[in-house]
Amino acid sequence: MLTSELVTLVKANLKVTGDEKDLIINDIIQETINYCNLKELPVELEPFIRKKTQSIINYELENGTTSVFDIRSISEGDTSITYNVDNKTSKDTIYGLSETNKKALQSFRRTRK
């Protein structure tokens, strides 16, 4: 399936209007194409792209888009900053492909030639 068609399908299923989420969807598609070593994604991967897009949208609604670090807590006396290192909610896991995502994509993955 062409990337543009997949973007349109994901947006329709998420009821997203406008093009403000196109970059996020395109990034997820490209990262998935790269991981799976494919030229195009099959339509069967639309649910994966849709769920990943929804998780990013939810993350950004809760945390905003301008945070630089995932900070769990800040103390003032003697200064202490604790960063969020939870693998389920870190920025890298939300925006990138987590181990769970990679397991879901494993059956679509092709070996490089």
Protein backbone atom coordinates (compact mmCIF):
# COMPACT_ATOMS: atom_id res chain seq x y z
CA MET A 1 0.00 0.00 0.00
CA LEU A 2 1.31 3.43 -0.86
CA THR A 3 2.33 5.63 2.05
CA SER A 4 -0.11 8.37 1.07
CA GLU A 5 -2.98 5.86 0.99
CA LEU A 6 -1.98 4.49 4.39
CA VAL A 7 -1.82 8.01 5.86
CA THR A 8 -5.33 8.70 4.53
CA LEU A 9 -6.66 5.41 5.93
CA VAL A 10 -5.10 5.96 9.38
CA LYS A 11 -6.45 9.52 9.54
CA ALA A 12 -9.92 8.35 8.54
CA ASN A 13 -9.93 5.58 11.16
CA LEU A 14 -8.70 7.96 13.87
CA LYS A 15 -11.09 10.67 12.68
CA VAL A 16 -8.18 13.11 12.29
CA THR A 17 -8.84 16.07 10.03
CA GLY A 18 -6.27 18.41 8.57
CA ASP A 19 -2.63 17.58 8.06
CA GLU A 20 -1.18 18.32 11.49
CA LYS A 21 -0.63 14.60 12.27
CA ASP A 22 0.68 13.65 8.82
CA LEU A 23 4.31 13.99 9.89
CA ILE A 24 3.82 11.66 12.86
CA ILE A 25 2.04 9.08 10.71
CA ASN A 26 4.68 9.33 7.95
CA ASP A 27 7.48 8.94 10.52
CA ILE A 28 5.87 5.80 11.96
CA ILE A 29 5.35 4.37 8.48
CA GLN A 30 8.96 5.09 7.49
CA GLU A 31 10.36 3.60 10.69
CA THR A 32 8.22 0.50 10.17
CA ILE A 33 9.31 0.19 6.53
CA ASN A 34 12.94 0.47 7.60
CA TYR A 35 12.59 -2.07 10.40
CA CYS A 36 10.72 -4.57 8.20
CA ASN A 37 13.03 -4.00 5.20
CA LEU A 38 10.09 -3.35 2.89
CA LYS A 39 9.45 -0.85 0.11
CA GLU A 40 5.76 -0.47 0.99
CA LEU A 41 3.66 -1.64 3.91
CA PRO A 42 0.86 -4.14 3.46
CA VAL A 43 -2.63 -2.96 4.40
CA GLU A 44 -2.56 -5.50 7.25
CA LEU A 45 -0.20 -3.16 9.11
CA GLU A 46 -2.74 -0.32 9.22
CA PRO A 47 -3.91 -1.31 12.74
CA PHE A 48 -0.31 -1.19 13.99
CA ILE A 49 0.29 2.25 12.44
CA ARG A 50 -3.07 3.51 13.76
CA LYS A 51 -2.43 2.29 17.33
CA LYS A 52 1.12 3.69 17.34
CA THR A 53 -0.18 7.05 16.05
CA GLN A 54 -2.90 7.08 18.72
CA SER A 55 -0.35 6.38 21.47
CA ILE A 56 1.77 9.34 20.28
CA ILE A 57 -1.28 11.61 20.12
CA ASN A 58 -2.25 10.55 23.66
CA TYR A 59 1.32 11.08 24.90
CA GLU A 60 1.43 14.57 23.41
CA LEU A 61 -1.97 15.47 24.89
CA GLU A 62 -0.72 14.46 28.33
CA ASN A 63 2.88 15.69 28.17
CA GLY A 64 2.95 18.30 25.40
CA THR A 65 5.33 18.34 22.46
CA THR A 66 8.05 20.61 23.78
CA SER A 67 9.41 18.64 26.73
CA VAL A 68 13.12 17.97 26.40
CA PHE A 69 13.43 15.28 29.05
CA ASP A 70 11.10 12.78 30.63
CA ILE A 71 11.41 13.86 34.25
CA ARG A 72 9.80 11.83 37.00
CA SER A 73 10.63 14.10 39.94
CA ILE A 74 12.64 17.15 40.97
CA SER A 75 13.77 17.87 44.52
CA GLU A 76 15.06 21.26 45.59
CA GLY A 77 17.22 20.75 48.70
CA ASP A 78 20.62 19.50 47.50
CA THR A 79 19.08 19.31 44.01
CA SER A 80 17.90 15.94 42.74
CA ILE A 81 16.39 15.16 39.36
CA THR A 82 14.99 11.71 38.60
CA TYR A 83 14.45 10.90 34.95
CA ASN A 84 11.71 8.65 33.70
CA VAL A 85 13.42 5.42 32.74
CA ASP A 86 10.28 3.32 32.50
CA ASN A 87 10.45 1.43 29.22
CA LYS A 88 6.70 1.71 28.71
CA THR A 89 6.38 5.49 28.98
CA SER A 90 9.73 6.95 27.94
CA LYS A 91 9.81 9.32 24.99
CA ASP A 92 12.01 6.93 22.99
CA THR A 93 9.53 4.09 23.47
CA ILE A 94 6.55 6.25 22.56
CA TYR A 95 8.07 7.75 19.39
CA GLY A 96 10.30 4.85 18.37
CA LEU A 97 9.72 1.13 18.03
CA SER A 98 9.63 -0.62 21.39
CA GLU A 99 10.52 -4.28 21.84
CA THR A 100 6.79 -5.04 21.95
CA ASN A 101 6.34 -3.21 18.63
CA LYS A 102 9.22 -5.13 17.08
CA LYS A 103 7.68 -8.45 18.18
CA ALA A 104 4.40 -7.43 16.55
CA LEU A 105 6.24 -6.58 13.31
CA GLN A 106 8.42 -9.70 13.26
CA SER A 107 6.15 -11.68 10.93
CA PHE A 108 6.30 -8.84 8.35
CA ARG A 109 10.07 -8.46 8.52
CA ARG A 110 12.15 -9.43 5.50
CA THR A 111 15.83 -10.18 5.44
CA ARG A 112 18.02 -7.77 3.50
CA LYS A 113 19.48 -8.95 0.23
